[in-house]
């Protein structure tokens, strides 16, 4: 279908058509397990992975390559574009967009480094937000745990972390 105002062709999206778009985030590594999430409005995505502490040449990496949490714009006109990124203090166990505040990210971080067989550990429940082109950690709540967690889930009201 042709657009009369702009004089260029516009395509309609259909559920039966699959559109693929790519953006490079972080450094290339086969060992990293990247995870992706969309906000409720589906205009911003986040991509995150564990900290890579066993990097072969960490002094050669730029700050952006060291980061492990990326916020990506998903614009239908501009495509995918990295908005900002940050290196988290710990290894993310879970990261998702808030269902109540569409541009806030809720993250559960575990201490970086080997966990071993300790009696207990702690997790940090963090809230991140992009302000003036930078990701900022708005709050941190430290949660003591009897053992190392493997997964977590949130209540829809976001007041309870299981």
N, C-alpha and C. Protein backbone atom coordinates (compact mmCIF):
# COMPACT_ATOMS: atom_id res chain seq x y z
N UNK A 1 0.85 -1.17 0.00
CA UNK A 1 0.00 0.00 0.00
C UNK A 1 0.90 1.23 0.00
N UNK A 2 0.56 2.21 -0.82
CA UNK A 2 1.35 3.44 -0.91
C UNK A 2 0.75 4.52 -0.03
N UNK A 3 1.61 5.26 0.62
CA UNK A 3 1.17 6.37 1.45
C UNK A 3 1.11 7.63 0.59
N UNK A 4 -0.03 8.32 0.60
CA UNK A 4 -0.18 9.51 -0.22
C UNK A 4 0.62 10.68 0.34
N UNK A 5 0.74 10.77 1.66
CA UNK A 5 1.41 11.92 2.28
C UNK A 5 2.92 11.89 2.06
N UNK A 6 3.54 10.74 2.21
CA UNK A 6 5.00 10.70 2.14
C UNK A 6 5.52 10.24 0.79
N UNK A 7 4.66 9.63 -0.01
CA UNK A 7 5.11 9.17 -1.31
C UNK A 7 5.98 7.93 -1.25
N UNK A 8 5.99 7.24 -0.11
CA UNK A 8 6.79 6.02 -0.01
C UNK A 8 5.89 4.86 0.39
N UNK A 9 6.40 3.68 0.19
CA UNK A 9 5.63 2.47 0.45
C UNK A 9 5.68 2.14 1.94
N UNK A 10 4.53 1.84 2.50
CA UNK A 10 4.46 1.40 3.90
C UNK A 10 3.88 -0.01 3.92
N UNK A 11 4.46 -0.86 4.72
CA UNK A 11 4.00 -2.24 4.84
C UNK A 11 3.16 -2.39 6.09
N UNK A 12 2.10 -3.14 5.97
CA UNK A 12 1.28 -3.46 7.14
C UNK A 12 1.82 -4.73 7.76
N UNK A 13 1.86 -4.74 9.09
CA UNK A 13 2.30 -5.95 9.78
C UNK A 13 1.14 -6.92 9.88
N UNK A 14 1.44 -8.16 9.71
CA UNK A 14 0.45 -9.21 9.80
C UNK A 14 0.96 -10.28 10.75
N UNK A 15 0.09 -10.88 11.57
CA UNK A 15 0.55 -11.93 12.48
C UNK A 15 1.16 -13.12 11.75
N UNK A 16 0.81 -13.31 10.48
CA UNK A 16 1.35 -14.45 9.74
C UNK A 16 2.75 -14.17 9.18
N UNK A 17 3.15 -12.90 9.13
CA UNK A 17 4.47 -12.54 8.64
C UNK A 17 5.44 -12.38 9.80
N UNK A 18 6.63 -12.89 9.63
CA UNK A 18 7.66 -12.75 10.65
C UNK A 18 8.67 -11.72 10.16
N UNK A 19 8.88 -10.70 10.96
CA UNK A 19 9.88 -9.68 10.65
C UNK A 19 11.08 -9.90 11.55
N UNK A 20 12.28 -9.80 11.00
CA UNK A 20 13.50 -10.01 11.77
C UNK A 20 14.33 -8.73 11.73
N UNK A 21 14.76 -8.30 12.91
CA UNK A 21 15.65 -7.14 13.02
C UNK A 21 16.75 -7.50 14.01
N UNK A 22 17.95 -6.99 13.78
CA UNK A 22 19.08 -7.33 14.65
C UNK A 22 19.78 -6.07 15.14
N UNK A 23 20.35 -6.18 16.33
CA UNK A 23 21.19 -5.13 16.88
C UNK A 23 22.26 -5.82 17.72
N UNK A 24 23.50 -5.36 17.62
CA UNK A 24 24.59 -5.96 18.39
C UNK A 24 24.65 -5.33 19.76
N UNK A 25 24.67 -6.17 20.79
CA UNK A 25 24.79 -5.69 22.17
C UNK A 25 25.93 -6.43 22.84
N UNK A 26 26.75 -5.68 23.57
CA UNK A 26 27.85 -6.30 24.30
C UNK A 26 28.88 -6.90 23.37
N UNK A 27 29.73 -7.73 23.96
CA UNK A 27 30.78 -8.37 23.17
C UNK A 27 30.28 -9.72 22.65
N UNK A 28 30.89 -10.17 21.58
CA UNK A 28 30.52 -11.46 21.02
C UNK A 28 31.09 -12.57 21.89
N UNK A 29 30.24 -13.50 22.27
CA UNK A 29 30.68 -14.62 23.09
C UNK A 29 29.68 -15.75 22.96
N UNK A 30 30.18 -16.94 22.77
CA UNK A 30 29.29 -18.10 22.68
C UNK A 30 28.89 -18.59 24.07
N UNK A 31 29.63 -18.18 25.11
CA UNK A 31 29.33 -18.65 26.46
C UNK A 31 28.21 -17.87 27.13
N UNK A 32 27.92 -16.67 26.65
CA UNK A 32 26.90 -15.84 27.28
C UNK A 32 25.51 -16.29 26.87
N UNK A 33 24.65 -16.46 27.84
CA UNK A 33 23.25 -16.79 27.58
C UNK A 33 22.44 -15.49 27.72
N UNK A 34 22.14 -14.88 26.59
CA UNK A 34 21.43 -13.61 26.60
C UNK A 34 19.92 -13.85 26.74
N UNK A 35 19.28 -12.95 27.48
CA UNK A 35 17.83 -13.03 27.67
C UNK A 35 17.23 -11.69 27.24
N UNK A 36 16.00 -11.73 26.74
CA UNK A 36 15.35 -10.54 26.21
C UNK A 36 13.95 -10.42 26.79
N UNK A 37 13.50 -9.20 27.03
CA UNK A 37 12.14 -8.95 27.50
C UNK A 37 11.61 -7.66 26.89
N UNK A 38 10.30 -7.61 26.67
CA UNK A 38 9.63 -6.42 26.14
C UNK A 38 8.80 -5.76 27.23
N UNK A 39 8.67 -4.44 27.16
CA UNK A 39 7.75 -3.79 28.09
C UNK A 39 6.32 -3.98 27.58
N UNK A 40 5.37 -3.61 28.40
CA UNK A 40 3.96 -3.86 28.08
C UNK A 40 3.53 -3.13 26.80
N UNK A 41 4.10 -1.96 26.55
CA UNK A 41 3.76 -1.19 25.35
C UNK A 41 4.49 -1.69 24.11
N UNK A 42 5.45 -2.59 24.28
CA UNK A 42 6.25 -3.20 23.23
C UNK A 42 7.03 -2.18 22.40
N UNK A 43 7.43 -1.07 23.02
CA UNK A 43 8.25 -0.09 22.32
C UNK A 43 9.68 -0.07 22.83
N UNK A 44 9.95 -0.78 23.93
CA UNK A 44 11.29 -0.87 24.50
C UNK A 44 11.54 -2.31 24.92
N UNK A 45 12.76 -2.78 24.64
CA UNK A 45 13.16 -4.13 25.05
C UNK A 45 14.38 -4.02 25.95
N UNK A 46 14.59 -5.04 26.75
CA UNK A 46 15.82 -5.13 27.52
C UNK A 46 16.51 -6.43 27.19
N UNK A 47 17.81 -6.40 27.20
CA UNK A 47 18.63 -7.59 26.95
C UNK A 47 19.64 -7.66 28.08
N UNK A 48 19.77 -8.84 28.71
CA UNK A 48 20.66 -8.97 29.86
C UNK A 48 21.27 -10.35 29.92
N UNK A 49 22.39 -10.43 30.64
CA UNK A 49 23.09 -11.70 30.83
C UNK A 49 23.97 -11.59 32.06
N UNK A 50 24.51 -12.71 32.50
CA UNK A 50 25.40 -12.72 33.67
C UNK A 50 26.70 -12.00 33.35
N UNK A 51 27.34 -11.50 34.39
CA UNK A 51 28.65 -10.88 34.24
C UNK A 51 29.64 -11.91 33.74
N UNK A 52 30.50 -11.52 32.81
CA UNK A 52 31.52 -12.43 32.28
C UNK A 52 32.83 -12.11 32.99
N UNK A 53 33.09 -12.84 34.07
CA UNK A 53 34.30 -12.57 34.86
C UNK A 53 35.52 -13.28 34.32
N UNK A 54 35.33 -14.19 33.39
CA UNK A 54 36.45 -14.96 32.86
C UNK A 54 36.82 -14.49 31.46
N UNK A 55 36.67 -13.20 31.22
CA UNK A 55 37.01 -12.65 29.92
C UNK A 55 38.51 -12.79 29.68
N UNK A 56 38.86 -13.14 28.44
CA UNK A 56 40.26 -13.40 28.11
C UNK A 56 41.12 -12.15 28.23
N UNK A 57 40.62 -11.02 27.74
CA UNK A 57 41.40 -9.78 27.74
C UNK A 57 40.51 -8.62 28.19
N UNK A 58 40.21 -8.54 29.51
CA UNK A 58 39.27 -7.51 29.97
C UNK A 58 39.77 -6.09 29.76
N UNK A 59 41.07 -5.88 29.69
CA UNK A 59 41.61 -4.53 29.50
C UNK A 59 41.36 -4.02 28.09
N UNK A 60 41.03 -4.90 27.14
CA UNK A 60 40.80 -4.49 25.76
C UNK A 60 39.33 -4.16 25.50
N UNK A 61 38.46 -4.40 26.48
CA UNK A 61 37.04 -4.17 26.28
C UNK A 61 36.67 -2.72 26.59
N UNK A 62 35.74 -2.18 25.83
CA UNK A 62 35.22 -0.84 26.13
C UNK A 62 34.20 -0.98 27.26
N UNK A 63 33.80 0.16 27.83
CA UNK A 63 32.80 0.13 28.88
C UNK A 63 31.50 -0.51 28.39
N UNK A 64 31.10 -0.19 27.16
CA UNK A 64 29.88 -0.76 26.61
C UNK A 64 29.98 -2.28 26.47
N UNK A 65 31.16 -2.79 26.11
CA UNK A 65 31.33 -4.24 25.98
C UNK A 65 31.32 -4.94 27.33
N UNK A 66 31.65 -4.23 28.40
CA UNK A 66 31.61 -4.82 29.75
C UNK A 66 30.20 -4.85 30.32
N UNK A 67 29.32 -3.98 29.82
CA UNK A 67 27.96 -3.88 30.34
C UNK A 67 27.17 -5.16 30.07
N UNK A 68 26.21 -5.44 30.95
CA UNK A 68 25.42 -6.66 30.80
C UNK A 68 23.92 -6.42 30.88
N UNK A 69 23.49 -5.17 30.85
CA UNK A 69 22.07 -4.82 30.80
C UNK A 69 21.90 -3.70 29.78
N UNK A 70 21.15 -3.99 28.71
CA UNK A 70 20.95 -3.03 27.62
C UNK A 70 19.47 -2.72 27.46
N UNK A 71 19.17 -1.45 27.22
CA UNK A 71 17.82 -1.00 26.93
C UNK A 71 17.78 -0.65 25.45
N UNK A 72 16.81 -1.22 24.72
CA UNK A 72 16.77 -1.11 23.27
C UNK A 72 15.43 -0.55 22.83
N UNK A 73 15.45 0.50 22.01
CA UNK A 73 14.23 1.06 21.44
C UNK A 73 13.75 0.16 20.31
N UNK A 74 12.45 -0.09 20.25
CA UNK A 74 11.86 -0.93 19.20
C UNK A 74 10.89 -0.09 18.39
N UNK A 75 11.41 0.85 17.64
CA UNK A 75 10.59 1.77 16.87
C UNK A 75 10.27 1.16 15.50
N UNK A 76 9.00 1.23 15.07
CA UNK A 76 8.68 0.70 13.75
C UNK A 76 9.31 1.50 12.62
N UNK A 77 9.63 2.77 12.86
CA UNK A 77 10.23 3.59 11.81
C UNK A 77 11.75 3.54 11.83
N UNK A 78 12.35 3.54 13.04
CA UNK A 78 13.81 3.56 13.14
C UNK A 78 14.41 2.18 13.37
N UNK A 79 13.60 1.19 13.62
CA UNK A 79 14.11 -0.16 13.89
C UNK A 79 14.62 -0.26 15.32
N UNK A 80 15.59 -1.15 15.53
CA UNK A 80 16.17 -1.35 16.85
C UNK A 80 17.33 -0.40 17.06
N UNK A 81 17.37 0.23 18.24
CA UNK A 81 18.44 1.17 18.56
C UNK A 81 18.75 1.07 20.05
N UNK A 82 20.03 0.94 20.38
CA UNK A 82 20.42 0.86 21.79
C UNK A 82 20.25 2.24 22.42
N UNK A 83 19.45 2.31 23.47
CA UNK A 83 19.23 3.57 24.18
C UNK A 83 20.30 3.81 25.23
N UNK A 84 20.59 2.78 26.04
CA UNK A 84 21.60 2.90 27.09
C UNK A 84 21.93 1.51 27.62
N UNK A 85 23.01 1.45 28.40
CA UNK A 85 23.43 0.17 28.98
C UNK A 85 24.16 0.43 30.28
N UNK A 86 24.28 -0.62 31.10
CA UNK A 86 24.96 -0.50 32.39
C UNK A 86 25.52 -1.86 32.76
N UNK A 87 26.56 -1.85 33.56
CA UNK A 87 27.10 -3.09 34.13
C UNK A 87 26.51 -3.21 35.53
N UNK A 88 25.80 -4.29 35.78
CA UNK A 88 25.18 -4.49 37.09
C UNK A 88 26.25 -4.88 38.10
N UNK A 89 25.96 -4.67 39.38
CA UNK A 89 26.91 -5.00 40.43
C UNK A 89 26.98 -6.51 40.67
N UNK A 90 25.88 -7.20 40.43
CA UNK A 90 25.83 -8.64 40.63
C UNK A 90 25.34 -9.34 39.39
N UNK A 91 25.22 -10.67 39.48
CA UNK A 91 24.68 -11.46 38.37
C UNK A 91 23.16 -11.43 38.42
N UNK A 92 22.51 -11.01 37.34
CA UNK A 92 21.06 -10.98 37.34
C UNK A 92 20.46 -12.39 37.38
N UNK A 93 19.55 -12.61 38.31
CA UNK A 93 18.79 -13.86 38.35
C UNK A 93 17.54 -13.70 37.51
N UNK A 94 16.95 -12.51 37.56
CA UNK A 94 15.74 -12.24 36.79
C UNK A 94 15.69 -10.75 36.49
N UNK A 95 15.16 -10.41 35.33
CA UNK A 95 15.02 -9.00 34.94
C UNK A 95 13.78 -8.88 34.06
N UNK A 96 12.91 -7.94 34.40
CA UNK A 96 11.70 -7.75 33.61
C UNK A 96 11.24 -6.30 33.75
N UNK A 97 10.37 -5.89 32.86
CA UNK A 97 9.77 -4.57 32.97
C UNK A 97 8.65 -4.62 33.98
N UNK A 98 8.47 -3.53 34.69
CA UNK A 98 7.36 -3.40 35.62
C UNK A 98 6.06 -3.37 34.82
N UNK A 99 5.02 -4.03 35.34
CA UNK A 99 3.71 -3.98 34.70
C UNK A 99 2.96 -2.71 35.10
N UNK A 100 3.42 -2.07 36.18
CA UNK A 100 2.75 -0.87 36.69
C UNK A 100 3.42 0.41 36.18
N UNK A 101 4.75 0.42 36.10
CA UNK A 101 5.53 1.54 35.57
C UNK A 101 6.25 1.02 34.33
N UNK A 102 5.71 1.29 33.15
CA UNK A 102 6.13 0.62 31.92
C UNK A 102 7.59 0.80 31.54
N UNK A 103 8.27 1.81 32.06
CA UNK A 103 9.66 2.04 31.70
C UNK A 103 10.63 1.78 32.85
N UNK A 104 10.16 1.14 33.90
CA UNK A 104 11.05 0.72 34.98
C UNK A 104 11.34 -0.76 34.85
N UNK A 105 12.59 -1.13 35.15
CA UNK A 105 13.01 -2.53 35.11
C UNK A 105 13.19 -3.06 36.52
N UNK A 106 12.64 -4.23 36.77
CA UNK A 106 12.76 -4.89 38.07
C UNK A 106 13.77 -6.01 37.93
N UNK A 107 14.79 -6.01 38.79
CA UNK A 107 15.85 -7.00 38.66
C UNK A 107 16.15 -7.62 40.01
N UNK A 108 16.48 -8.90 40.00
CA UNK A 108 17.00 -9.58 41.18
C UNK A 108 18.44 -9.95 40.85
N UNK A 109 19.37 -9.41 41.64
CA UNK A 109 20.81 -9.65 41.42
C UNK A 109 21.36 -10.51 42.54
N UNK A 110 22.26 -11.41 42.16
CA UNK A 110 22.99 -12.23 43.12
C UNK A 110 24.43 -11.75 43.17
N UNK A 111 25.12 -11.92 44.29
CA UNK A 111 26.52 -11.49 44.35
C UNK A 111 27.34 -12.14 43.24
N UNK A 112 28.23 -11.37 42.64
CA UNK A 112 29.09 -11.90 41.58
C UNK A 112 30.14 -12.82 42.18
N UNK A 113 30.66 -13.72 41.38
CA UNK A 113 31.70 -14.64 41.84
C UNK A 113 31.14 -16.00 42.19
N UNK A 114 32.01 -16.94 42.50
CA UNK A 114 31.56 -18.30 42.82
C UNK A 114 30.77 -18.32 44.12
N UNK A 115 29.68 -19.07 44.11
CA UNK A 115 28.81 -19.13 45.28
C UNK A 115 29.25 -20.20 46.28
N UNK A 116 29.75 -21.32 45.79
CA UNK A 116 30.22 -22.37 46.71
C UNK A 116 29.09 -22.95 47.53
N UNK A 117 29.43 -23.61 48.62
CA UNK A 117 28.44 -24.24 49.49
C UNK A 117 28.38 -23.49 50.81
N UNK A 118 27.85 -22.29 50.77
CA UNK A 118 27.71 -21.49 51.98
C UNK A 118 26.37 -21.81 52.64
N UNK A 119 26.26 -21.44 53.90
CA UNK A 119 25.00 -21.64 54.62
C UNK A 119 23.90 -20.73 54.09
N UNK A 120 24.26 -19.57 53.65
CA UNK A 120 23.26 -18.62 53.17
C UNK A 120 23.88 -17.62 52.23
N UNK A 121 23.04 -16.85 51.61
CA UNK A 121 23.49 -15.81 50.69
C UNK A 121 22.46 -14.70 50.74
N UNK A 122 22.62 -13.72 49.92
CA UNK A 122 21.60 -12.67 49.84
C UNK A 122 21.37 -12.33 48.37
N UNK A 123 20.20 -11.79 48.11
CA UNK A 123 19.86 -11.32 46.77
C UNK A 123 19.47 -9.86 46.90
N UNK A 124 19.71 -9.10 45.87
CA UNK A 124 19.32 -7.69 45.85
C UNK A 124 18.18 -7.50 44.87
N UNK A 125 17.05 -7.01 45.36
CA UNK A 125 15.92 -6.66 44.50
C UNK A 125 16.11 -5.19 44.11
N UNK A 126 16.32 -4.94 42.82
CA UNK A 126 16.67 -3.60 42.34
C UNK A 126 15.62 -3.08 41.37
N UNK A 127 15.50 -1.77 41.32
CA UNK A 127 14.65 -1.10 40.34
C UNK A 127 15.55 -0.16 39.53
N UNK A 128 15.52 -0.32 38.21
CA UNK A 128 16.30 0.53 37.30
C UNK A 128 15.35 1.35 36.46
N UNK A 129 15.83 2.52 36.02
CA UNK A 129 15.06 3.37 35.13
C UNK A 129 16.02 4.15 34.24
N UNK A 130 15.61 4.40 33.01
CA UNK A 130 16.42 5.18 32.09
C UNK A 130 16.04 6.65 32.24
N UNK A 131 17.02 7.46 32.67
CA UNK A 131 16.81 8.89 32.86
C UNK A 131 17.91 9.63 32.11
N UNK A 132 17.50 10.53 31.21
CA UNK A 132 18.44 11.33 30.41
C UNK A 132 19.46 10.46 29.69
N UNK A 133 19.01 9.36 29.11
CA UNK A 133 19.89 8.51 28.31
C UNK A 133 20.81 7.60 29.10
N UNK A 134 20.59 7.47 30.42
CA UNK A 134 21.43 6.59 31.24
C UNK A 134 20.55 5.74 32.13
N UNK A 135 20.98 4.49 32.34
CA UNK A 135 20.27 3.61 33.26
C UNK A 135 20.72 3.91 34.68
N UNK A 136 19.78 4.15 35.56
CA UNK A 136 20.07 4.44 36.97
C UNK A 136 19.36 3.42 37.85
N UNK A 137 20.03 3.02 38.90
CA UNK A 137 19.41 2.13 39.87
C UNK A 137 18.69 3.01 40.89
N UNK A 138 17.37 2.92 40.92
CA UNK A 138 16.57 3.77 41.79
C UNK A 138 16.52 3.25 43.23
N UNK A 139 16.47 1.93 43.39
CA UNK A 139 16.39 1.37 44.74
C UNK A 139 16.99 -0.02 44.77
N UNK A 140 17.42 -0.40 45.98
CA UNK A 140 17.98 -1.73 46.23
C UNK A 140 17.45 -2.21 47.58
N UNK A 141 16.93 -3.43 47.61
CA UNK A 141 16.53 -4.06 48.86
C UNK A 141 17.29 -5.36 48.95
N UNK A 142 18.09 -5.51 50.00
CA UNK A 142 18.87 -6.73 50.20
C UNK A 142 18.00 -7.75 50.94
N UNK A 143 17.95 -8.97 50.38
CA UNK A 143 17.11 -10.03 50.93
C UNK A 143 18.00 -11.19 51.36
N UNK A 144 18.11 -11.46 52.67
CA UNK A 144 18.90 -12.62 53.11
C UNK A 144 18.17 -13.92 52.77
N UNK A 145 18.91 -14.90 52.28
CA UNK A 145 18.32 -16.18 51.87
C UNK A 145 19.06 -17.33 52.55
N UNK A 146 18.36 -18.42 52.86
CA UNK A 146 19.01 -19.56 53.50
C UNK A 146 19.91 -20.35 52.56
N UNK A 147 19.66 -20.25 51.25
CA UNK A 147 20.48 -20.98 50.28
C UNK A 147 20.51 -20.19 48.97
N UNK A 148 21.33 -20.66 48.05
CA UNK A 148 21.48 -19.99 46.75
C UNK A 148 20.21 -20.19 45.92
N UNK A 149 19.56 -19.11 45.46
CA UNK A 149 18.33 -19.25 44.66
C UNK A 149 18.62 -19.66 43.22
N UNK A 150 17.69 -20.38 42.62
CA UNK A 150 17.80 -20.79 41.23
C UNK A 150 16.84 -20.03 40.33
N UNK A 151 15.74 -19.56 40.89
CA UNK A 151 14.75 -18.83 40.11
C UNK A 151 13.95 -17.94 41.05
N UNK A 152 13.13 -17.09 40.47
CA UNK A 152 12.25 -16.23 41.28
C UNK A 152 11.06 -15.83 40.42
N UNK A 153 10.04 -15.30 41.08
CA UNK A 153 8.84 -14.84 40.40
C UNK A 153 8.24 -13.69 41.20
N UNK A 154 7.48 -12.85 40.54
CA UNK A 154 6.86 -11.70 41.20
C UNK A 154 5.35 -11.83 41.17
N UNK A 155 4.72 -11.33 42.23
CA UNK A 155 3.26 -11.22 42.27
C UNK A 155 2.87 -10.11 41.28
N UNK A 156 1.71 -10.22 40.62
CA UNK A 156 1.32 -9.17 39.67
C UNK A 156 1.27 -7.76 40.27
N UNK A 157 1.05 -7.65 41.58
CA UNK A 157 1.04 -6.33 42.22
C UNK A 157 2.46 -5.80 42.42
N UNK A 158 3.47 -6.64 42.19
CA UNK A 158 4.89 -6.32 42.33
C UNK A 158 5.29 -6.01 43.77
N UNK A 159 4.45 -6.39 44.71
CA UNK A 159 4.75 -6.15 46.12
C UNK A 159 5.38 -7.38 46.78
N UNK A 160 5.31 -8.53 46.13
CA UNK A 160 5.84 -9.77 46.70
C UNK A 160 6.79 -10.42 45.71
N UNK A 161 7.95 -10.82 46.20
CA UNK A 161 8.94 -11.54 45.40
C UNK A 161 9.05 -12.94 45.96
N UNK A 162 8.80 -13.93 45.14
CA UNK A 162 8.82 -15.33 45.58
C UNK A 162 10.10 -15.99 45.11
